[in-house]
N, C-alpha and C. Protein backbone atom coordinates (compact mmCIF):
# COMPACT_ATOMS: atom_id res chain seq x y z
N UNK A 1 71.32 -71.16 25.09
CA UNK A 1 70.37 -70.58 24.25
C UNK A 1 70.83 -71.80 22.88
N UNK A 2 69.37 -71.79 22.06
CA UNK A 2 69.73 -72.88 20.90
C UNK A 2 69.83 -72.12 19.59
N UNK A 3 70.31 -72.78 18.88
CA UNK A 3 70.83 -72.04 17.61
C UNK A 3 69.59 -72.33 16.56
N UNK A 4 68.66 -71.38 16.68
CA UNK A 4 67.49 -71.26 15.76
C UNK A 4 67.78 -70.69 14.75
N UNK A 5 67.32 -71.50 13.61
CA UNK A 5 67.60 -71.10 12.17
C UNK A 5 66.29 -70.10 11.77
N UNK A 6 66.41 -69.18 11.03
CA UNK A 6 65.41 -68.40 10.72
C UNK A 6 64.90 -68.60 9.25
N UNK A 7 64.00 -68.89 9.18
CA UNK A 7 62.99 -69.19 7.80
C UNK A 7 61.99 -68.51 7.22
N UNK A 8 61.66 -68.42 6.12
CA UNK A 8 60.62 -67.21 5.47
C UNK A 8 59.83 -68.38 5.04
N UNK A 9 58.69 -68.21 5.23
CA UNK A 9 57.29 -68.89 4.23
C UNK A 9 57.19 -68.08 2.91
N UNK A 10 57.02 -68.95 1.98
CA UNK A 10 56.98 -68.55 0.67
C UNK A 10 55.94 -69.44 -0.05
N UNK A 11 55.19 -68.92 -0.99
CA UNK A 11 53.96 -69.57 -1.70
C UNK A 11 54.58 -69.84 -3.22
N UNK A 12 54.08 -71.20 -3.58
CA UNK A 12 54.45 -71.26 -5.16
C UNK A 12 53.29 -71.30 -5.73
N UNK A 13 53.64 -70.57 -7.27
CA UNK A 13 52.37 -70.63 -8.20
C UNK A 13 52.80 -71.18 -9.45
N UNK A 14 51.92 -71.63 -10.17
CA UNK A 14 52.27 -72.48 -11.35
C UNK A 14 52.36 -71.26 -12.48
N UNK A 15 53.51 -71.68 -13.15
CA UNK A 15 53.94 -70.75 -14.19
C UNK A 15 53.01 -70.68 -15.68
N UNK A 16 51.85 -71.43 -15.41
CA UNK A 16 51.20 -71.69 -16.67
C UNK A 16 49.93 -71.25 -16.16
N UNK A 17 49.28 -71.63 -15.30
CA UNK A 17 47.79 -71.18 -14.67
C UNK A 17 47.68 -69.97 -13.67
N UNK A 18 48.98 -70.10 -13.25
CA UNK A 18 48.90 -68.79 -11.87
C UNK A 18 48.29 -69.29 -10.92
N UNK A 19 48.10 -70.60 -10.70
CA UNK A 19 47.39 -71.10 -9.54
C UNK A 19 48.22 -71.31 -8.45
N UNK A 20 47.99 -70.93 -6.97
CA UNK A 20 48.84 -71.20 -6.03
C UNK A 20 48.77 -72.48 -5.16
N UNK A 21 49.73 -73.50 -5.53
CA UNK A 21 49.27 -74.83 -5.29
C UNK A 21 50.21 -75.09 -3.84
N UNK A 22 51.48 -74.84 -3.73
CA UNK A 22 52.30 -75.03 -2.71
C UNK A 22 52.79 -73.96 -1.71
N UNK A 23 52.94 -74.42 -0.44
CA UNK A 23 53.75 -73.22 0.13
C UNK A 23 54.93 -74.07 0.91
N UNK A 24 55.98 -73.61 0.96
CA UNK A 24 57.10 -74.13 1.62
C UNK A 24 57.93 -72.79 2.53
N UNK A 25 59.17 -73.35 2.82
CA UNK A 25 59.98 -72.44 3.72
C UNK A 25 61.40 -72.25 3.14
N UNK A 26 62.00 -71.10 3.16
CA UNK A 26 63.31 -71.14 2.90
C UNK A 26 64.09 -70.34 3.55
N UNK A 27 65.51 -70.10 3.57
CA UNK A 27 66.03 -69.56 4.57
C UNK A 27 66.47 -68.15 4.39
N UNK A 28 66.71 -67.63 5.38
CA UNK A 28 66.72 -65.86 5.11
C UNK A 28 67.80 -65.38 4.29
N UNK A 29 68.98 -66.35 4.36
CA UNK A 29 70.09 -65.86 3.39
C UNK A 29 69.87 -66.30 1.87
N UNK A 30 68.86 -66.60 1.36
CA UNK A 30 68.50 -67.14 0.01
C UNK A 30 67.41 -65.77 -0.46
N UNK A 31 67.13 -64.97 0.20
CA UNK A 31 65.87 -64.25 0.01
C UNK A 31 66.06 -63.37 -1.46
N UNK A 32 67.44 -63.11 -2.03
CA UNK A 32 67.78 -62.52 -3.07
C UNK A 32 67.36 -63.26 -4.33
N UNK A 33 67.30 -64.48 -4.64
CA UNK A 33 66.88 -65.05 -5.61
C UNK A 33 65.37 -65.72 -5.38
N UNK A 34 64.67 -65.96 -6.44
CA UNK A 34 63.27 -66.50 -6.43
C UNK A 34 63.51 -67.99 -6.58
N UNK A 35 62.85 -68.95 -6.03
CA UNK A 35 62.84 -70.21 -6.04
C UNK A 35 61.97 -70.78 -7.29
N UNK A 36 62.46 -71.81 -8.00
CA UNK A 36 61.54 -72.17 -9.13
C UNK A 36 61.76 -73.84 -8.78
N UNK A 37 60.72 -74.47 -8.91
CA UNK A 37 60.68 -75.87 -8.81
C UNK A 37 59.91 -76.32 -9.71
N UNK A 38 60.12 -77.74 -10.09
CA UNK A 38 59.08 -78.29 -10.91
C UNK A 38 58.05 -79.29 -10.30
N UNK A 39 56.96 -78.85 -10.31
CA UNK A 39 55.76 -79.57 -9.26
C UNK A 39 54.60 -79.91 -10.38
N UNK A 40 53.80 -80.88 -9.49
CA UNK A 40 52.72 -81.36 -10.33
C UNK A 40 51.68 -80.26 -10.10
N UNK A 41 50.84 -80.00 -10.93
CA UNK A 41 49.70 -78.97 -10.92
C UNK A 41 48.56 -79.65 -11.33
N UNK A 42 47.55 -79.71 -10.17
CA UNK A 42 46.27 -80.36 -10.31
C UNK A 42 45.45 -79.81 -11.55
N UNK A 43 45.39 -78.60 -11.56
CA UNK A 43 44.67 -77.96 -12.55
C UNK A 43 45.04 -77.97 -14.07
N UNK A 44 46.44 -77.97 -14.02
CA UNK A 44 46.94 -78.36 -15.33
C UNK A 44 47.24 -79.70 -15.74
N UNK A 45 46.86 -80.41 -14.56
CA UNK A 45 47.10 -82.08 -14.70
C UNK A 45 48.33 -82.58 -15.48
N UNK A 46 49.58 -81.93 -15.03
CA UNK A 46 50.93 -82.11 -15.64
C UNK A 46 51.92 -81.46 -14.65
N UNK A 47 53.19 -81.95 -14.54
CA UNK A 47 54.32 -81.39 -14.05
C UNK A 47 54.72 -80.20 -14.73
N UNK A 48 54.81 -78.85 -14.01
CA UNK A 48 55.09 -77.56 -14.87
C UNK A 48 55.83 -77.01 -13.66
N UNK A 49 56.55 -75.96 -14.28
CA UNK A 49 57.41 -74.84 -13.26
C UNK A 49 56.59 -74.04 -12.21
N UNK A 50 56.99 -74.31 -11.07
CA UNK A 50 56.32 -73.21 -10.04
C UNK A 50 57.15 -72.25 -9.62
N UNK A 51 56.94 -70.98 -9.47
CA UNK A 51 57.77 -70.04 -8.96
C UNK A 51 57.00 -69.41 -7.89
N UNK A 52 57.98 -68.95 -7.03
CA UNK A 52 57.81 -68.33 -6.02
C UNK A 52 57.16 -66.77 -6.17
N UNK A 53 55.98 -66.61 -5.47
CA UNK A 53 55.33 -65.63 -5.67
C UNK A 53 55.74 -64.47 -4.35
N UNK A 54 55.24 -63.24 -4.61
CA UNK A 54 55.44 -62.04 -3.76
C UNK A 54 54.35 -61.48 -3.19
């Protein structure tokens, strides 16, 4: 049998305008804390913090 890693699909939303721009995956062992990344938002036309939505 293969060593399958389980991942959860999440959506990232801009902290400033709340637009959902990106989707990514993270491991199930990291479910307790929300992911925050600094990414480009086309609506704000700048790099802003994007947070995981639920």
